[in-house]
Amino acid sequence: PPFHYMLAAFGGGDVRCTAYETYGSVELGQSAV
């Protein structure tokens, strides 16, 4: 969450976390995007 102003370097006030997806899967790429 936005606990520090340096998160702005990533483009906004947070860095999102995805649900778990199997490594190497197409779904992992889709959730990351």
PDB file of all heavy atoms in Angstrom:
ATOM      1  N   PRO A   1       0.812  -1.222   0.000  1.00  0.00           N
ATOM      2  CA  PRO A   1       0.000   0.000   0.000  1.00  0.00           C
ATOM      3  C   PRO A   1       0.845   1.272   0.000  1.00  0.00           C
ATOM      4  O   PRO A   1       2.085   1.204   0.100  1.00  0.00           O
ATOM      5  CB  PRO A   1      -0.780  -0.145   1.313  1.00  0.00           C
ATOM      6  CG  PRO A   1       0.191  -0.834   2.228  1.00  0.00           C
ATOM      7  CD  PRO A   1       0.947  -1.813   1.343  1.00  0.00           C
ATOM      8  N   PRO A   2       0.215   2.444  -0.064  1.00  0.00           N
ATOM      9  CA  PRO A   2       0.945   3.720  -0.152  1.00  0.00           C
ATOM     10  C   PRO A   2       1.521   4.164   1.195  1.00  0.00           C
ATOM     11  O   PRO A   2       1.140   5.199   1.741  1.00  0.00           O
ATOM     12  CB  PRO A   2      -0.117   4.687  -0.667  1.00  0.00           C
ATOM     13  CG  PRO A   2      -1.403   4.141  -0.152  1.00  0.00           C
ATOM     14  CD  PRO A   2      -1.244   2.650  -0.217  1.00  0.00           C
ATOM     15  N   PHE A   3       2.479   3.405   1.699  1.00  0.00           N
ATOM     16  CA  PHE A   3       3.099   3.742   2.985  1.00  0.00           C
ATOM     17  C   PHE A   3       4.276   4.689   2.802  1.00  0.00           C
ATOM     18  O   PHE A   3       4.741   5.304   3.774  1.00  0.00           O
ATOM     19  CB  PHE A   3       3.554   2.469   3.707  1.00  0.00           C
ATOM     20  CG  PHE A   3       4.857   1.907   3.205  1.00  0.00           C
ATOM     21  CD1 PHE A   3       6.019   2.065   3.933  1.00  0.00           C
ATOM     22  CD2 PHE A   3       4.915   1.213   1.993  1.00  0.00           C
ATOM     23  CE1 PHE A   3       7.225   1.561   3.467  1.00  0.00           C
ATOM     24  CE2 PHE A   3       6.121   0.699   1.532  1.00  0.00           C
ATOM     25  CZ  PHE A   3       7.281   0.883   2.268  1.00  0.00           C
ATOM     26  N   HIS A   4       4.784   4.828   1.565  1.00  0.00           N
ATOM     27  CA  HIS A   4       5.963   5.649   1.306  1.00  0.00           C
ATOM     28  C   HIS A   4       5.832   6.265  -0.084  1.00  0.00           C
ATOM     29  O   HIS A   4       5.334   5.632  -1.020  1.00  0.00           O
ATOM     30  CB  HIS A   4       7.222   4.776   1.362  1.00  0.00           C
ATOM     31  CG  HIS A   4       8.505   5.537   1.445  1.00  0.00           C
ATOM     32  ND1 HIS A   4       9.061   6.167   0.354  1.00  0.00           N
ATOM     33  CD2 HIS A   4       9.347   5.778   2.485  1.00  0.00           C
ATOM     34  CE1 HIS A   4      10.193   6.755   0.717  1.00  0.00           C
ATOM     35  NE2 HIS A   4      10.391   6.539   2.006  1.00  0.00           N
ATOM     36  N   TYR A   5       6.307   7.500  -0.205  1.00  0.00           N
ATOM     37  CA  TYR A   5       6.147   8.201  -1.475  1.00  0.00           C
ATOM     38  C   TYR A   5       6.889   7.532  -2.631  1.00  0.00           C
ATOM     39  O   TYR A   5       6.555   7.737  -3.805  1.00  0.00           O
ATOM     40  CB  TYR A   5       6.589   9.658  -1.347  1.00  0.00           C
ATOM     41  CG  TYR A   5       8.088   9.860  -1.280  1.00  0.00           C
ATOM     42  CD1 TYR A   5       8.847  10.001  -2.432  1.00  0.00           C
ATOM     43  CD2 TYR A   5       8.750   9.897  -0.052  1.00  0.00           C
ATOM     44  CE1 TYR A   5      10.216  10.173  -2.379  1.00  0.00           C
ATOM     45  CE2 TYR A   5      10.114  10.066   0.014  1.00  0.00           C
ATOM     46  CZ  TYR A   5      10.848  10.206  -1.149  1.00  0.00           C
ATOM     47  OH  TYR A   5      12.206  10.359  -1.090  1.00  0.00           O
ATOM     48  N   MET A   6       7.916   6.701  -2.331  1.00  0.00           N
ATOM     49  CA  MET A   6       8.686   6.093  -3.420  1.00  0.00           C
ATOM     50  C   MET A   6       7.893   5.051  -4.207  1.00  0.00           C
ATOM     51  O   MET A   6       8.323   4.645  -5.283  1.00  0.00           O
ATOM     52  CB  MET A   6       9.979   5.482  -2.879  1.00  0.00           C
ATOM     53  CG  MET A   6      11.042   6.511  -2.555  1.00  0.00           C
ATOM     54  SD  MET A   6      12.648   5.773  -2.186  1.00  0.00           S
ATOM     55  CE  MET A   6      13.136   5.207  -3.826  1.00  0.00           C
ATOM     56  N   LEU A   7       6.717   4.647  -3.697  1.00  0.00           N
ATOM     57  CA  LEU A   7       5.882   3.766  -4.510  1.00  0.00           C
ATOM     58  C   LEU A   7       5.443   4.445  -5.802  1.00  0.00           C
ATOM     59  O   LEU A   7       5.096   3.784  -6.773  1.00  0.00           O
ATOM     60  CB  LEU A   7       4.652   3.297  -3.727  1.00  0.00           C
ATOM     61  CG  LEU A   7       4.823   1.945  -3.027  1.00  0.00           C
ATOM     62  CD1 LEU A   7       5.631   2.109  -1.753  1.00  0.00           C
ATOM     63  CD2 LEU A   7       3.490   1.298  -2.740  1.00  0.00           C
ATOM     64  N   ALA A   8       5.487   5.789  -5.808  1.00  0.00           N
ATOM     65  CA  ALA A   8       5.111   6.524  -7.019  1.00  0.00           C
ATOM     66  C   ALA A   8       5.994   6.165  -8.196  1.00  0.00           C
ATOM     67  O   ALA A   8       5.585   6.314  -9.353  1.00  0.00           O
ATOM     68  CB  ALA A   8       5.191   8.026  -6.752  1.00  0.00           C
ATOM     69  N   ALA A   9       7.206   5.670  -7.929  1.00  0.00           N
ATOM     70  CA  ALA A   9       8.116   5.289  -9.014  1.00  0.00           C
ATOM     71  C   ALA A   9       7.551   4.156  -9.870  1.00  0.00           C
ATOM     72  O   ALA A   9       7.979   3.966 -11.012  1.00  0.00           O
ATOM     73  CB  ALA A   9       9.471   4.877  -8.443  1.00  0.00           C
ATOM     74  N   PHE A  10       6.575   3.413  -9.320  1.00  0.00           N
ATOM     75  CA  PHE A  10       5.969   2.309 -10.071  1.00  0.00           C
ATOM     76  C   PHE A  10       4.709   2.754 -10.809  1.00  0.00           C
ATOM     77  O   PHE A  10       4.050   1.934 -11.437  1.00  0.00           O
ATOM     78  CB  PHE A  10       5.640   1.150  -9.133  1.00  0.00           C
ATOM     79  CG  PHE A  10       6.829   0.623  -8.385  1.00  0.00           C
ATOM     80  CD1 PHE A  10       6.953   0.835  -7.018  1.00  0.00           C
ATOM     81  CD2 PHE A  10       7.837  -0.064  -9.045  1.00  0.00           C
ATOM     82  CE1 PHE A  10       8.057   0.362  -6.323  1.00  0.00           C
ATOM     83  CE2 PHE A  10       8.946  -0.536  -8.356  1.00  0.00           C
ATOM     84  CZ  PHE A  10       9.057  -0.319  -6.989  1.00  0.00           C
ATOM     85  N   GLY A  11       4.363   4.034 -10.711  1.00  0.00           N
ATOM     86  CA  GLY A  11       3.244   4.548 -11.485  1.00  0.00           C
ATOM     87  C   GLY A  11       1.990   4.867 -10.715  1.00  0.00           C
ATOM     88  O   GLY A  11       1.015   5.350 -11.286  1.00  0.00           O
ATOM     89  N   GLY A  12       1.962   4.596  -9.408  1.00  0.00           N
ATOM     90  CA  GLY A  12       0.766   4.856  -8.617  1.00  0.00           C
ATOM     91  C   GLY A  12       1.031   4.679  -7.139  1.00  0.00           C
ATOM     92  O   GLY A  12       2.181   4.643  -6.705  1.00  0.00           O
ATOM     93  N   GLY A  13      -0.036   4.528  -6.377  1.00  0.00           N
ATOM     94  CA  GLY A  13       0.092   4.473  -4.924  1.00  0.00           C
ATOM     95  C   GLY A  13       0.217   3.093  -4.342  1.00  0.00           C
ATOM     96  O   GLY A  13       0.306   2.953  -3.114  1.00  0.00           O
ATOM     97  N   ASP A  14       0.223   2.066  -5.177  1.00  0.00           N
ATOM     98  CA  ASP A  14       0.384   0.719  -4.643  1.00  0.00           C
ATOM     99  C   ASP A  14       1.092  -0.164  -5.674  1.00  0.00           C
ATOM    100  O   ASP A  14       1.285   0.222  -6.823  1.00  0.00           O
ATOM    101  CB  ASP A  14      -0.967   0.094  -4.255  1.00  0.00           C
ATOM    102  CG  ASP A  14      -1.913  -0.075  -5.441  1.00  0.00           C
ATOM    103  OD1 ASP A  14      -1.531   0.272  -6.590  1.00  0.00           O
ATOM    104  OD2 ASP A  14      -3.043  -0.557  -5.242  1.00  0.00           O
ATOM    105  N   VAL A  15       1.508  -1.330  -5.215  1.00  0.00           N
ATOM    106  CA  VAL A  15       2.005  -2.380  -6.109  1.00  0.00           C
ATOM    107  C   VAL A  15       1.068  -3.556  -5.899  1.00  0.00           C
ATOM    108  O   VAL A  15       1.015  -4.134  -4.809  1.00  0.00           O
ATOM    109  CB  VAL A  15       3.464  -2.763  -5.800  1.00  0.00           C
ATOM    110  CG1 VAL A  15       3.893  -3.957  -6.647  1.00  0.00           C
ATOM    111  CG2 VAL A  15       4.393  -1.578  -6.058  1.00  0.00           C
ATOM    112  N   ARG A  16       0.306  -3.878  -6.929  1.00  0.00           N
ATOM    113  CA  ARG A  16      -0.753  -4.876  -6.787  1.00  0.00           C
ATOM    114  C   ARG A  16      -0.189  -6.287  -6.646  1.00  0.00           C
ATOM    115  O   ARG A  16       0.883  -6.597  -7.167  1.00  0.00           O
ATOM    116  CB  ARG A  16      -1.686  -4.821  -7.995  1.00  0.00           C
ATOM    117  CG  ARG A  16      -2.301  -3.437  -8.214  1.00  0.00           C
ATOM    118  CD  ARG A  16      -3.205  -3.434  -9.428  1.00  0.00           C
ATOM    119  NE  ARG A  16      -3.672  -2.078  -9.742  1.00  0.00           N
ATOM    120  CZ  ARG A  16      -3.287  -1.376 -10.794  1.00  0.00           C
ATOM    121  NH1 ARG A  16      -2.429  -1.911 -11.668  1.00  0.00           N
ATOM    122  NH2 ARG A  16      -3.735  -0.157 -10.991  1.00  0.00           N
ATOM    123  N   CYS A  17      -0.958  -7.127  -5.959  1.00  0.00           N
ATOM    124  CA  CYS A  17      -0.621  -8.538  -5.811  1.00  0.00           C
ATOM    125  C   CYS A  17      -1.714  -9.368  -6.473  1.00  0.00           C
ATOM    126  O   CYS A  17      -2.904  -9.081  -6.310  1.00  0.00           O
ATOM    127  CB  CYS A  17      -0.509  -8.900  -4.331  1.00  0.00           C
ATOM    128  SG  CYS A  17       0.080 -10.583  -4.018  1.00  0.00           S
ATOM    129  N   THR A  18      -1.325 -10.368  -7.229  1.00  0.00           N
ATOM    130  CA  THR A  18      -2.295 -11.207  -7.937  1.00  0.00           C
ATOM    131  C   THR A  18      -2.676 -12.417  -7.090  1.00  0.00           C
ATOM    132  O   THR A  18      -2.042 -12.719  -6.084  1.00  0.00           O
ATOM    133  CB  THR A  18      -1.719 -11.717  -9.267  1.00  0.00           C
ATOM    134  OG1 THR A  18      -0.777 -12.778  -8.997  1.00  0.00           O
ATOM    135  CG2 THR A  18      -1.016 -10.606 -10.035  1.00  0.00           C
ATOM    136  N   ALA A  19      -3.698 -13.119  -7.518  1.00  0.00           N
ATOM    137  CA  ALA A  19      -3.985 -14.440  -6.963  1.00  0.00           C
ATOM    138  C   ALA A  19      -2.912 -15.408  -7.466  1.00  0.00           C
ATOM    139  O   ALA A  19      -2.240 -15.144  -8.474  1.00  0.00           O
ATOM    140  CB  ALA A  19      -5.364 -14.910  -7.395  1.00  0.00           C
ATOM    141  N   TYR A  20      -2.743 -16.505  -6.785  1.00  0.00           N
ATOM    142  CA  TYR A  20      -1.743 -17.488  -7.197  1.00  0.00           C
ATOM    143  C   TYR A  20      -2.130 -18.139  -8.517  1.00  0.00           C
ATOM    144  O   TYR A  20      -3.279 -18.510  -8.729  1.00  0.00           O
ATOM    145  CB  TYR A  20      -1.579 -18.575  -6.135  1.00  0.00           C
ATOM    146  CG  TYR A  20      -0.659 -19.686  -6.589  1.00  0.00           C
ATOM    147  CD1 TYR A  20       0.718 -19.489  -6.642  1.00  0.00           C
ATOM    148  CD2 TYR A  20      -1.165 -20.922  -7.013  1.00  0.00           C
ATOM    149  CE1 TYR A  20       1.574 -20.481  -7.084  1.00  0.00           C
ATOM    150  CE2 TYR A  20      -0.318 -21.928  -7.455  1.00  0.00           C
ATOM    151  CZ  TYR A  20       1.044 -21.705  -7.489  1.00  0.00           C
ATOM    152  OH  TYR A  20       1.897 -22.693  -7.944  1.00  0.00           O
ATOM    153  N   GLU A  21      -1.152 -18.264  -9.388  1.00  0.00           N
ATOM    154  CA  GLU A  21      -1.294 -19.020 -10.634  1.00  0.00           C
ATOM    155  C   GLU A  21      -0.064 -19.912 -10.788  1.00  0.00           C
ATOM    156  O   GLU A  21       1.031 -19.555 -10.340  1.00  0.00           O
ATOM    157  CB  GLU A  21      -1.394 -18.100 -11.854  1.00  0.00           C
ATOM    158  CG  GLU A  21      -2.576 -17.136 -11.848  1.00  0.00           C
ATOM    159  CD  GLU A  21      -3.917 -17.806 -12.070  1.00  0.00           C
ATOM    160  OE1 GLU A  21      -3.937 -19.029 -12.330  1.00  0.00           O
ATOM    161  OE2 GLU A  21      -4.935 -17.109 -11.983  1.00  0.00           O
ATOM    162  N   THR A  22      -0.240 -21.066 -11.381  1.00  0.00           N
ATOM    163  CA  THR A  22       0.863 -22.006 -11.556  1.00  0.00           C
ATOM    164  C   THR A  22       2.008 -21.364 -12.328  1.00  0.00           C
ATOM    165  O   THR A  22       1.783 -20.692 -13.336  1.00  0.00           O
ATOM    166  CB  THR A  22       0.385 -23.257 -12.308  1.00  0.00           C
ATOM    167  OG1 THR A  22      -0.699 -23.845 -11.585  1.00  0.00           O
ATOM    168  CG2 THR A  22       1.513 -24.283 -12.430  1.00  0.00           C
ATOM    169  N   TYR A  23       3.229 -21.584 -11.841  1.00  0.00           N
ATOM    170  CA  TYR A  23       4.378 -20.971 -12.516  1.00  0.00           C
ATOM    171  C   TYR A  23       4.499 -21.510 -13.940  1.00  0.00           C
ATOM    172  O   TYR A  23       4.203 -22.663 -14.225  1.00  0.00           O
ATOM    173  CB  TYR A  23       5.663 -21.195 -11.721  1.00  0.00           C
ATOM    174  CG  TYR A  23       6.272 -22.572 -11.834  1.00  0.00           C
ATOM    175  CD1 TYR A  23       7.197 -22.867 -12.834  1.00  0.00           C
ATOM    176  CD2 TYR A  23       5.939 -23.579 -10.934  1.00  0.00           C
ATOM    177  CE1 TYR A  23       7.768 -24.115 -12.941  1.00  0.00           C
ATOM    178  CE2 TYR A  23       6.504 -24.841 -11.038  1.00  0.00           C
ATOM    179  CZ  TYR A  23       7.421 -25.105 -12.038  1.00  0.00           C
ATOM    180  OH  TYR A  23       7.977 -26.350 -12.149  1.00  0.00           O
ATOM    181  N   GLY A  24       4.910 -20.634 -14.833  1.00  0.00           N
ATOM    182  CA  GLY A  24       5.076 -21.008 -16.228  1.00  0.00           C
ATOM    183  C   GLY A  24       3.785 -21.078 -17.029  1.00  0.00           C
ATOM    184  O   GLY A  24       3.829 -21.358 -18.229  1.00  0.00           O
ATOM    185  N   SER A  25       2.646 -20.779 -16.390  1.00  0.00           N
ATOM    186  CA  SER A  25       1.366 -20.924 -17.084  1.00  0.00           C
ATOM    187  C   SER A  25       0.978 -19.649 -17.821  1.00  0.00           C
ATOM    188  O   SER A  25       1.441 -18.548 -17.507  1.00  0.00           O
ATOM    189  CB  SER A  25       0.257 -21.277 -16.083  1.00  0.00           C
ATOM    190  OG  SER A  25       0.027 -20.192 -15.195  1.00  0.00           O
ATOM    191  N   VAL A  26       0.104 -19.806 -18.820  1.00  0.00           N
ATOM    192  CA  VAL A  26      -0.452 -18.663 -19.531  1.00  0.00           C
ATOM    193  C   VAL A  26      -1.223 -17.777 -18.557  1.00  0.00           C
ATOM    194  O   VAL A  26      -1.182 -16.543 -18.634  1.00  0.00           O
ATOM    195  CB  VAL A  26      -1.360 -19.138 -20.677  1.00  0.00           C
ATOM    196  CG1 VAL A  26      -2.116 -17.962 -21.294  1.00  0.00           C
ATOM    197  CG2 VAL A  26      -0.542 -19.864 -21.737  1.00  0.00           C
ATOM    198  N   GLU A  27      -1.921 -18.404 -17.610  1.00  0.00           N
ATOM    199  CA  GLU A  27      -2.722 -17.655 -16.644  1.00  0.00           C
ATOM    200  C   GLU A  27      -1.857 -16.737 -15.779  1.00  0.00           C
ATOM    201  O   GLU A  27      -2.286 -15.644 -15.399  1.00  0.00           O
ATOM    202  CB  GLU A  27      -3.516 -18.613 -15.751  1.00  0.00           C
ATOM    203  CG  GLU A  27      -4.634 -19.358 -16.452  1.00  0.00           C
ATOM    204  CD  GLU A  27      -4.135 -20.522 -17.314  1.00  0.00           C
ATOM    205  OE1 GLU A  27      -2.958 -20.938 -17.159  1.00  0.00           O
ATOM    206  OE2 GLU A  27      -4.931 -21.029 -18.132  1.00  0.00           O
ATOM    207  N   LEU A  28      -0.646 -17.177 -15.470  1.00  0.00           N
ATOM    208  CA  LEU A  28       0.259 -16.338 -14.687  1.00  0.00           C
ATOM    209  C   LEU A  28       0.574 -15.056 -15.446  1.00  0.00           C
ATOM    210  O   LEU A  28       0.555 -13.952 -14.879  1.00  0.00           O
ATOM    211  CB  LEU A  28       1.546 -17.098 -14.365  1.00  0.00           C
ATOM    212  CG  LEU A  28       2.625 -16.314 -13.608  1.00  0.00           C
ATOM    213  CD1 LEU A  28       2.097 -15.818 -12.263  1.00  0.00           C
ATOM    214  CD2 LEU A  28       3.866 -17.180 -13.412  1.00  0.00           C
ATOM    215  N   GLY A  29       0.872 -15.178 -16.728  1.00  0.00           N
ATOM    216  CA  GLY A  29       1.137 -14.002 -17.539  1.00  0.00           C
ATOM    217  C   GLY A  29      -0.066 -13.084 -17.628  1.00  0.00           C
ATOM    218  O   GLY A  29       0.052 -11.861 -17.548  1.00  0.00           O
ATOM    219  N   GLN A  30      -1.247 -13.669 -17.775  1.00  0.00           N
ATOM    220  CA  GLN A  30      -2.467 -12.864 -17.877  1.00  0.00           C
ATOM    221  C   GLN A  30      -2.718 -12.090 -16.589  1.00  0.00           C
ATOM    222  O   GLN A  30      -3.075 -10.912 -16.620  1.00  0.00           O
ATOM    223  CB  GLN A  30      -3.663 -13.768 -18.190  1.00  0.00           C
ATOM    224  CG  GLN A  30      -3.616 -14.379 -19.576  1.00  0.00           C
ATOM    225  CD  GLN A  30      -4.683 -15.438 -19.804  1.00  0.00           C
ATOM    226  OE1 GLN A  30      -5.217 -16.036 -18.845  1.00  0.00           O
ATOM    227  NE2 GLN A  30      -5.012 -15.690 -21.051  1.00  0.00           N
ATOM    228  N   SER A  31      -2.530 -12.736 -15.449  1.00  0.00           N
ATOM    229  CA  SER A  31      -2.767 -12.056 -14.174  1.00  0.00           C
ATOM    230  C   SER A  31      -1.728 -10.973 -13.927  1.00  0.00           C
ATOM    231  O   SER A  31      -2.037  -9.908 -13.384  1.00  0.00           O
ATOM    232  CB  SER A  31      -2.785 -13.063 -13.019  1.00  0.00           C
ATOM    233  OG  SER A  31      -1.507 -13.661 -12.825  1.00  0.00           O
ATOM    234  N   ALA A  32      -0.484 -11.220 -14.361  1.00  0.00           N
ATOM    235  CA  ALA A  32       0.566 -10.208 -14.204  1.00  0.00           C
ATOM    236  C   ALA A  32       0.245  -8.983 -15.053  1.00  0.00           C
ATOM    237  O   ALA A  32       0.381  -7.839 -14.589  1.00  0.00           O
ATOM    238  CB  ALA A  32       1.923 -10.781 -14.584  1.00  0.00           C
ATOM    239  N   VAL A  33      -0.188  -9.194 -16.285  1.00  0.00           N
ATOM    240  CA  VAL A  33      -0.529  -8.072 -17.170  1.00  0.00           C
ATOM    241  C   VAL A  33      -1.648  -7.230 -16.554  1.00  0.00           C
ATOM    242  O   VAL A  33      -1.598  -5.992 -16.561  1.00  0.00           O
ATOM    243  CB  VAL A  33      -0.923  -8.588 -18.560  1.00  0.00           C
ATOM    244  CG1 VAL A  33      -1.631  -7.500 -19.368  1.00  0.00           C
ATOM    245  CG2 VAL A  33       0.317  -9.076 -19.305  1.00  0.00           C
TER     246      VAL A  33
END
